[in-house]
Amino acid sequence: LKTARILLRAIQTASIREEVLGEHPVLRP
């Protein structure tokens, strides 16, 4: 999860970031 959260912050496109958070809710802050 540490690496996943770091990479999630690197995603700039809001729609892709929201899709990732929808698939993996454990990554929500």
PDB file of all heavy atoms in Angstrom:
ATOM      1  N   LEU A   1       0.805  -1.213   0.000  1.00  0.00           N
ATOM      2  CA  LEU A   1       0.000   0.000   0.000  1.00  0.00           C
ATOM      3  C   LEU A   1       0.841   1.268   0.000  1.00  0.00           C
ATOM      4  O   LEU A   1       0.424   2.287  -0.544  1.00  0.00           O
ATOM      5  CB  LEU A   1      -0.960  -0.012   1.186  1.00  0.00           C
ATOM      6  CG  LEU A   1      -1.935  -1.192   1.208  1.00  0.00           C
ATOM      7  CD1 LEU A   1      -2.862  -1.101   2.402  1.00  0.00           C
ATOM      8  CD2 LEU A   1      -2.724  -1.264  -0.083  1.00  0.00           C
ATOM      9  N   LYS A   2       2.013   1.225   0.588  1.00  0.00           N
ATOM     10  CA  LYS A   2       2.879   2.408   0.606  1.00  0.00           C
ATOM     11  C   LYS A   2       3.255   2.811  -0.823  1.00  0.00           C
ATOM     12  O   LYS A   2       3.092   3.968  -1.209  1.00  0.00           O
ATOM     13  CB  LYS A   2       4.139   2.118   1.426  1.00  0.00           C
ATOM     14  CG  LYS A   2       5.077   3.284   1.504  1.00  0.00           C
ATOM     15  CD  LYS A   2       6.309   2.943   2.328  1.00  0.00           C
ATOM     16  CE  LYS A   2       7.292   4.101   2.316  1.00  0.00           C
ATOM     17  NZ  LYS A   2       8.528   3.766   3.023  1.00  0.00           N
ATOM     18  N   THR A   3       3.714   1.871  -1.605  1.00  0.00           N
ATOM     19  CA  THR A   3       4.080   2.148  -2.994  1.00  0.00           C
ATOM     20  C   THR A   3       2.855   2.530  -3.809  1.00  0.00           C
ATOM     21  O   THR A   3       2.901   3.451  -4.632  1.00  0.00           O
ATOM     22  CB  THR A   3       4.773   0.925  -3.619  1.00  0.00           C
ATOM     23  OG1 THR A   3       5.891   0.557  -2.815  1.00  0.00           O
ATOM     24  CG2 THR A   3       5.237   1.214  -5.032  1.00  0.00           C
ATOM     25  N   ALA A   4       1.737   1.844  -3.589  1.00  0.00           N
ATOM     26  CA  ALA A   4       0.512   2.135  -4.332  1.00  0.00           C
ATOM     27  C   ALA A   4       0.045   3.566  -4.075  1.00  0.00           C
ATOM     28  O   ALA A   4      -0.363   4.268  -5.007  1.00  0.00           O
ATOM     29  CB  ALA A   4      -0.582   1.147  -3.948  1.00  0.00           C
ATOM     30  N   ARG A   5       0.118   4.030  -2.829  1.00  0.00           N
ATOM     31  CA  ARG A   5      -0.303   5.402  -2.517  1.00  0.00           C
ATOM     32  C   ARG A   5       0.626   6.435  -3.151  1.00  0.00           C
ATOM     33  O   ARG A   5       0.179   7.480  -3.617  1.00  0.00           O
ATOM     34  CB  ARG A   5      -0.360   5.594  -1.011  1.00  0.00           C
ATOM     35  CG  ARG A   5      -1.555   4.921  -0.375  1.00  0.00           C
ATOM     36  CD  ARG A   5      -1.711   5.260   1.092  1.00  0.00           C
ATOM     37  NE  ARG A   5      -2.873   4.606   1.631  1.00  0.00           N
ATOM     38  CZ  ARG A   5      -2.839   3.603   2.502  1.00  0.00           C
ATOM     39  NH1 ARG A   5      -1.671   3.144   2.948  1.00  0.00           N
ATOM     40  NH2 ARG A   5      -3.954   3.056   2.944  1.00  0.00           N
ATOM     41  N   ILE A   6       1.907   6.146  -3.159  1.00  0.00           N
ATOM     42  CA  ILE A   6       2.862   7.062  -3.796  1.00  0.00           C
ATOM     43  C   ILE A   6       2.569   7.168  -5.287  1.00  0.00           C
ATOM     44  O   ILE A   6       2.533   8.268  -5.857  1.00  0.00           O
ATOM     45  CB  ILE A   6       4.309   6.590  -3.541  1.00  0.00           C
ATOM     46  CG1 ILE A   6       4.663   6.764  -2.065  1.00  0.00           C
ATOM     47  CG2 ILE A   6       5.290   7.353  -4.426  1.00  0.00           C
ATOM     48  CD1 ILE A   6       5.965   6.103  -1.660  1.00  0.00           C
ATOM     49  N   LEU A   7       2.348   6.037  -5.932  1.00  0.00           N
ATOM     50  CA  LEU A   7       2.051   6.053  -7.360  1.00  0.00           C
ATOM     51  C   LEU A   7       0.695   6.679  -7.647  1.00  0.00           C
ATOM     52  O   LEU A   7       0.511   7.331  -8.679  1.00  0.00           O
ATOM     53  CB  LEU A   7       2.114   4.636  -7.925  1.00  0.00           C
ATOM     54  CG  LEU A   7       3.497   3.994  -7.935  1.00  0.00           C
ATOM     55  CD1 LEU A   7       3.394   2.535  -8.351  1.00  0.00           C
ATOM     56  CD2 LEU A   7       4.431   4.755  -8.852  1.00  0.00           C
ATOM     57  N   LEU A   8      -0.259   6.503  -6.750  1.00  0.00           N
ATOM     58  CA  LEU A   8      -1.577   7.112  -6.919  1.00  0.00           C
ATOM     59  C   LEU A   8      -1.462   8.638  -6.938  1.00  0.00           C
ATOM     60  O   LEU A   8      -2.132   9.306  -7.721  1.00  0.00           O
ATOM     61  CB  LEU A   8      -2.517   6.656  -5.799  1.00  0.00           C
ATOM     62  CG  LEU A   8      -3.931   7.224  -5.834  1.00  0.00           C
ATOM     63  CD1 LEU A   8      -4.662   6.725  -7.073  1.00  0.00           C
ATOM     64  CD2 LEU A   8      -4.698   6.828  -4.583  1.00  0.00           C
ATOM     65  N   ARG A   9      -0.598   9.179  -6.103  1.00  0.00           N
ATOM     66  CA  ARG A   9      -0.395  10.640  -6.086  1.00  0.00           C
ATOM     67  C   ARG A   9       0.239  11.137  -7.384  1.00  0.00           C
ATOM     68  O   ARG A   9       0.083  12.295  -7.749  1.00  0.00           O
ATOM     69  CB  ARG A   9       0.464  11.049  -4.899  1.00  0.00           C
ATOM     70  CG  ARG A   9      -0.264  10.959  -3.568  1.00  0.00           C
ATOM     71  CD  ARG A   9       0.472  11.681  -2.465  1.00  0.00           C
ATOM     72  NE  ARG A   9       1.820  11.187  -2.256  1.00  0.00           N
ATOM     73  CZ  ARG A   9       2.185  10.339  -1.306  1.00  0.00           C
ATOM     74  NH1 ARG A   9       1.281   9.878  -0.465  1.00  0.00           N
ATOM     75  NH2 ARG A   9       3.430   9.951  -1.174  1.00  0.00           N
ATOM     76  N   ALA A  10       0.952  10.266  -8.087  1.00  0.00           N
ATOM     77  CA  ALA A  10       1.591  10.654  -9.344  1.00  0.00           C
ATOM     78  C   ALA A  10       0.599  10.688 -10.506  1.00  0.00           C
ATOM     79  O   ALA A  10       0.893  11.284 -11.545  1.00  0.00           O
ATOM     80  CB  ALA A  10       2.738   9.700  -9.668  1.00  0.00           C
ATOM     81  N   ILE A  11      -0.568  10.086 -10.345  1.00  0.00           N
ATOM     82  CA  ILE A  11      -1.582  10.108 -11.404  1.00  0.00           C
ATOM     83  C   ILE A  11      -2.209  11.489 -11.425  1.00  0.00           C
ATOM     84  O   ILE A  11      -2.803  11.934 -10.444  1.00  0.00           O
ATOM     85  CB  ILE A  11      -2.648   9.013 -11.182  1.00  0.00           C
ATOM     86  CG1 ILE A  11      -2.004   7.629 -11.261  1.00  0.00           C
ATOM     87  CG2 ILE A  11      -3.781   9.144 -12.186  1.00  0.00           C
ATOM     88  CD1 ILE A  11      -2.947   6.485 -10.944  1.00  0.00           C
ATOM     89  N   GLN A  12      -2.100  12.176 -12.571  1.00  0.00           N
ATOM     90  CA  GLN A  12      -2.572  13.549 -12.690  1.00  0.00           C
ATOM     91  C   GLN A  12      -4.004  13.647 -13.185  1.00  0.00           C
ATOM     92  O   GLN A  12      -4.699  14.612 -12.881  1.00  0.00           O
ATOM     93  CB  GLN A  12      -1.652  14.323 -13.633  1.00  0.00           C
ATOM     94  CG  GLN A  12      -0.233  14.402 -13.120  1.00  0.00           C
ATOM     95  CD  GLN A  12       0.716  14.986 -14.149  1.00  0.00           C
ATOM     96  OE1 GLN A  12       0.329  15.294 -15.271  1.00  0.00           O
ATOM     97  NE2 GLN A  12       1.967  15.139 -13.759  1.00  0.00           N
ATOM     98  N   THR A  13      -4.462  12.681 -13.952  1.00  0.00           N
ATOM     99  CA  THR A  13      -5.815  12.707 -14.504  1.00  0.00           C
ATOM    100  C   THR A  13      -6.810  12.311 -13.415  1.00  0.00           C
ATOM    101  O   THR A  13      -6.751  11.211 -12.874  1.00  0.00           O
ATOM    102  CB  THR A  13      -5.929  11.732 -15.697  1.00  0.00           C
ATOM    103  OG1 THR A  13      -4.875  12.017 -16.620  1.00  0.00           O
ATOM    104  CG2 THR A  13      -7.265  11.871 -16.382  1.00  0.00           C
ATOM    105  N   ALA A  14      -7.735  13.240 -13.122  1.00  0.00           N
ATOM    106  CA  ALA A  14      -8.675  13.042 -12.017  1.00  0.00           C
ATOM    107  C   ALA A  14      -9.577  11.828 -12.241  1.00  0.00           C
ATOM    108  O   ALA A  14      -9.853  11.076 -11.297  1.00  0.00           O
ATOM    109  CB  ALA A  14      -9.518  14.295 -11.818  1.00  0.00           C
ATOM    110  N   SER A  15     -10.024  11.609 -13.469  1.00  0.00           N
ATOM    111  CA  SER A  15     -10.931  10.478 -13.716  1.00  0.00           C
ATOM    112  C   SER A  15     -10.228   9.140 -13.495  1.00  0.00           C
ATOM    113  O   SER A  15     -10.821   8.213 -12.937  1.00  0.00           O
ATOM    114  CB  SER A  15     -11.494  10.552 -15.143  1.00  0.00           C
ATOM    115  OG  SER A  15     -10.451  10.475 -16.097  1.00  0.00           O
ATOM    116  N   ILE A  16      -8.980   9.042 -13.899  1.00  0.00           N
ATOM    117  CA  ILE A  16      -8.230   7.798 -13.680  1.00  0.00           C
ATOM    118  C   ILE A  16      -7.986   7.593 -12.197  1.00  0.00           C
ATOM    119  O   ILE A  16      -8.126   6.490 -11.676  1.00  0.00           O
ATOM    120  CB  ILE A  16      -6.910   7.804 -14.481  1.00  0.00           C
ATOM    121  CG1 ILE A  16      -7.206   7.761 -15.976  1.00  0.00           C
ATOM    122  CG2 ILE A  16      -6.028   6.621 -14.073  1.00  0.00           C
ATOM    123  CD1 ILE A  16      -5.990   7.839 -16.863  1.00  0.00           C
ATOM    124  N   ARG A  17      -7.650   8.663 -11.488  1.00  0.00           N
ATOM    125  CA  ARG A  17      -7.414   8.564 -10.047  1.00  0.00           C
ATOM    126  C   ARG A  17      -8.680   8.096  -9.331  1.00  0.00           C
ATOM    127  O   ARG A  17      -8.618   7.237  -8.443  1.00  0.00           O
ATOM    128  CB  ARG A  17      -6.959   9.916  -9.495  1.00  0.00           C
ATOM    129  CG  ARG A  17      -6.519   9.826  -8.037  1.00  0.00           C
ATOM    130  CD  ARG A  17      -6.048  11.143  -7.447  1.00  0.00           C
ATOM    131  NE  ARG A  17      -5.100  11.821  -8.301  1.00  0.00           N
ATOM    132  CZ  ARG A  17      -5.298  13.054  -8.808  1.00  0.00           C
ATOM    133  NH1 ARG A  17      -6.406  13.707  -8.559  1.00  0.00           N
ATOM    134  NH2 ARG A  17      -4.375  13.616  -9.554  1.00  0.00           N
ATOM    135  N   GLU A  18      -9.842   8.626  -9.722  1.00  0.00           N
ATOM    136  CA  GLU A  18     -11.100   8.219  -9.087  1.00  0.00           C
ATOM    137  C   GLU A  18     -11.445   6.768  -9.400  1.00  0.00           C
ATOM    138  O   GLU A  18     -11.966   6.055  -8.542  1.00  0.00           O
ATOM    139  CB  GLU A  18     -12.238   9.145  -9.514  1.00  0.00           C
ATOM    140  CG  GLU A  18     -12.163  10.515  -8.874  1.00  0.00           C
ATOM    141  CD  GLU A  18     -12.135  10.464  -7.347  1.00  0.00           C
ATOM    142  OE1 GLU A  18     -12.920   9.698  -6.744  1.00  0.00           O
ATOM    143  OE2 GLU A  18     -11.314  11.195  -6.768  1.00  0.00           O
ATOM    144  N   GLU A  19     -11.148   6.308 -10.614  1.00  0.00           N
ATOM    145  CA  GLU A  19     -11.383   4.907 -10.958  1.00  0.00           C
ATOM    146  C   GLU A  19     -10.510   3.985 -10.115  1.00  0.00           C
ATOM    147  O   GLU A  19     -10.961   2.937  -9.656  1.00  0.00           O
ATOM    148  CB  GLU A  19     -11.109   4.670 -12.445  1.00  0.00           C
ATOM    149  CG  GLU A  19     -12.168   5.236 -13.357  1.00  0.00           C
ATOM    150  CD  GLU A  19     -11.836   5.036 -14.821  1.00  0.00           C
ATOM    151  OE1 GLU A  19     -10.864   4.319 -15.134  1.00  0.00           O
ATOM    152  OE2 GLU A  19     -12.561   5.592 -15.651  1.00  0.00           O
ATOM    153  N   VAL A  20      -9.258   4.384  -9.910  1.00  0.00           N
ATOM    154  CA  VAL A  20      -8.350   3.579  -9.083  1.00  0.00           C
ATOM    155  C   VAL A  20      -8.870   3.518  -7.652  1.00  0.00           C
ATOM    156  O   VAL A  20      -8.880   2.459  -7.029  1.00  0.00           O
ATOM    157  CB  VAL A  20      -6.908   4.139  -9.134  1.00  0.00           C
ATOM    158  CG1 VAL A  20      -6.026   3.458  -8.106  1.00  0.00           C
ATOM    159  CG2 VAL A  20      -6.326   3.977 -10.518  1.00  0.00           C
ATOM    160  N   LEU A  21      -9.313   4.659  -7.130  1.00  0.00           N
ATOM    161  CA  LEU A  21      -9.842   4.680  -5.765  1.00  0.00           C
ATOM    162  C   LEU A  21     -11.133   3.875  -5.660  1.00  0.00           C
ATOM    163  O   LEU A  21     -11.413   3.292  -4.605  1.00  0.00           O
ATOM    164  CB  LEU A  21     -10.061   6.122  -5.311  1.00  0.00           C
ATOM    165  CG  LEU A  21      -8.791   6.918  -5.042  1.00  0.00           C
ATOM    166  CD1 LEU A  21      -9.120   8.379  -4.767  1.00  0.00           C
ATOM    167  CD2 LEU A  21      -8.009   6.324  -3.882  1.00  0.00           C
ATOM    168  N   GLY A  22     -11.911   3.830  -6.731  1.00  0.00           N
ATOM    169  CA  GLY A  22     -13.120   3.004  -6.741  1.00  0.00           C
ATOM    170  C   GLY A  22     -12.785   1.517  -6.718  1.00  0.00           C
ATOM    171  O   GLY A  22     -13.468   0.724  -6.072  1.00  0.00           O
ATOM    172  N   GLU A  23     -11.725   1.147  -7.438  1.00  0.00           N
ATOM    173  CA  GLU A  23     -11.315  -0.257  -7.474  1.00  0.00           C
ATOM    174  C   GLU A  23     -10.609  -0.695  -6.198  1.00  0.00           C
ATOM    175  O   GLU A  23     -10.693  -1.843  -5.795  1.00  0.00           O
ATOM    176  CB  GLU A  23     -10.371  -0.490  -8.655  1.00  0.00           C
ATOM    177  CG  GLU A  23     -11.014  -0.380 -10.002  1.00  0.00           C
ATOM    178  CD  GLU A  23     -10.004  -0.448 -11.139  1.00  0.00           C
ATOM    179  OE1 GLU A  23      -8.810  -0.722 -10.874  1.00  0.00           O
ATOM    180  OE2 GLU A  23     -10.403  -0.231 -12.293  1.00  0.00           O
ATOM    181  N   HIS A  24      -9.863   0.240  -5.603  1.00  0.00           N
ATOM    182  CA  HIS A  24      -9.069  -0.058  -4.408  1.00  0.00           C
ATOM    183  C   HIS A  24      -9.356   0.981  -3.326  1.00  0.00           C
ATOM    184  O   HIS A  24      -8.559   1.874  -3.070  1.00  0.00           O
ATOM    185  CB  HIS A  24      -7.580  -0.060  -4.750  1.00  0.00           C
ATOM    186  CG  HIS A  24      -7.207  -0.917  -5.904  1.00  0.00           C
ATOM    187  ND1 HIS A  24      -7.191  -2.290  -5.832  1.00  0.00           N
ATOM    188  CD2 HIS A  24      -6.878  -0.611  -7.191  1.00  0.00           C
ATOM    189  CE1 HIS A  24      -6.858  -2.783  -7.011  1.00  0.00           C
ATOM    190  NE2 HIS A  24      -6.662  -1.791  -7.847  1.00  0.00           N
ATOM    191  N   PRO A  25     -10.508   0.870  -2.649  1.00  0.00           N
ATOM    192  CA  PRO A  25     -10.875   1.876  -1.642  1.00  0.00           C
ATOM    193  C   PRO A  25      -9.916   1.942  -0.458  1.00  0.00           C
ATOM    194  O   PRO A  25      -9.884   2.937   0.257  1.00  0.00           O
ATOM    195  CB  PRO A  25     -12.277   1.451  -1.199  1.00  0.00           C
ATOM    196  CG  PRO A  25     -12.457   0.065  -1.683  1.00  0.00           C
ATOM    197  CD  PRO A  25     -11.516  -0.156  -2.803  1.00  0.00           C
ATOM    198  N   VAL A  26      -9.099   0.924  -0.266  1.00  0.00           N
ATOM    199  CA  VAL A  26      -8.146   0.931   0.836  1.00  0.00           C
ATOM    200  C   VAL A  26      -7.083   2.012   0.641  1.00  0.00           C
ATOM    201  O   VAL A  26      -6.420   2.419   1.595  1.00  0.00           O
ATOM    202  CB  VAL A  26      -7.516  -0.478   1.002  1.00  0.00           C
ATOM    203  CG1 VAL A  26      -6.569  -0.789  -0.137  1.00  0.00           C
ATOM    204  CG2 VAL A  26      -6.820  -0.620   2.324  1.00  0.00           C
ATOM    205  N   LEU A  27      -6.950   2.526  -0.580  1.00  0.00           N
ATOM    206  CA  LEU A  27      -5.951   3.560  -0.857  1.00  0.00           C
ATOM    207  C   LEU A  27      -6.455   4.967  -0.534  1.00  0.00           C
ATOM    208  O   LEU A  27      -5.679   5.909  -0.609  1.00  0.00           O
ATOM    209  CB  LEU A  27      -5.543   3.500  -2.344  1.00  0.00           C
ATOM    210  CG  LEU A  27      -4.880   2.212  -2.798  1.00  0.00           C
ATOM    211  CD1 LEU A  27      -4.613   2.257  -4.287  1.00  0.00           C
ATOM    212  CD2 LEU A  27      -3.603   1.977  -2.028  1.00  0.00           C
ATOM    213  N   ARG A  28      -7.712   5.087  -0.181  1.00  0.00           N
ATOM    214  CA  ARG A  28      -8.244   6.420   0.178  1.00  0.00           C
ATOM    215  C   ARG A  28      -7.540   6.949   1.427  1.00  0.00           C
ATOM    216  O   ARG A  28      -7.286   6.185   2.358  1.00  0.00           O
ATOM    217  CB  ARG A  28      -9.741   6.361   0.434  1.00  0.00           C
ATOM    218  CG  ARG A  28     -10.540   6.086  -0.824  1.00  0.00           C
ATOM    219  CD  ARG A  28     -11.995   6.480  -0.639  1.00  0.00           C
ATOM    220  NE  ARG A  28     -12.732   6.195  -1.844  1.00  0.00           N
ATOM    221  CZ  ARG A  28     -12.848   7.037  -2.860  1.00  0.00           C
ATOM    222  NH1 ARG A  28     -12.303   8.217  -2.797  1.00  0.00           N
ATOM    223  NH2 ARG A  28     -13.542   6.707  -3.937  1.00  0.00           N
ATOM    224  N   PRO A  29      -7.249   8.253   1.405  1.00  0.00           N
ATOM    225  CA  PRO A  29      -6.561   8.841   2.590  1.00  0.00           C
ATOM    226  C   PRO A  29      -7.448   8.904   3.806  1.00  0.00           C
ATOM    227  O   PRO A  29      -8.607   8.836   3.786  1.00  0.00           O
ATOM    228  CB  PRO A  29      -6.177  10.234   2.130  1.00  0.00           C
ATOM    229  CG  PRO A  29      -6.839  10.478   0.833  1.00  0.00           C
ATOM    230  CD  PRO A  29      -7.417   9.195   0.350  1.00  0.00           C
TER     231      PRO A  29
END
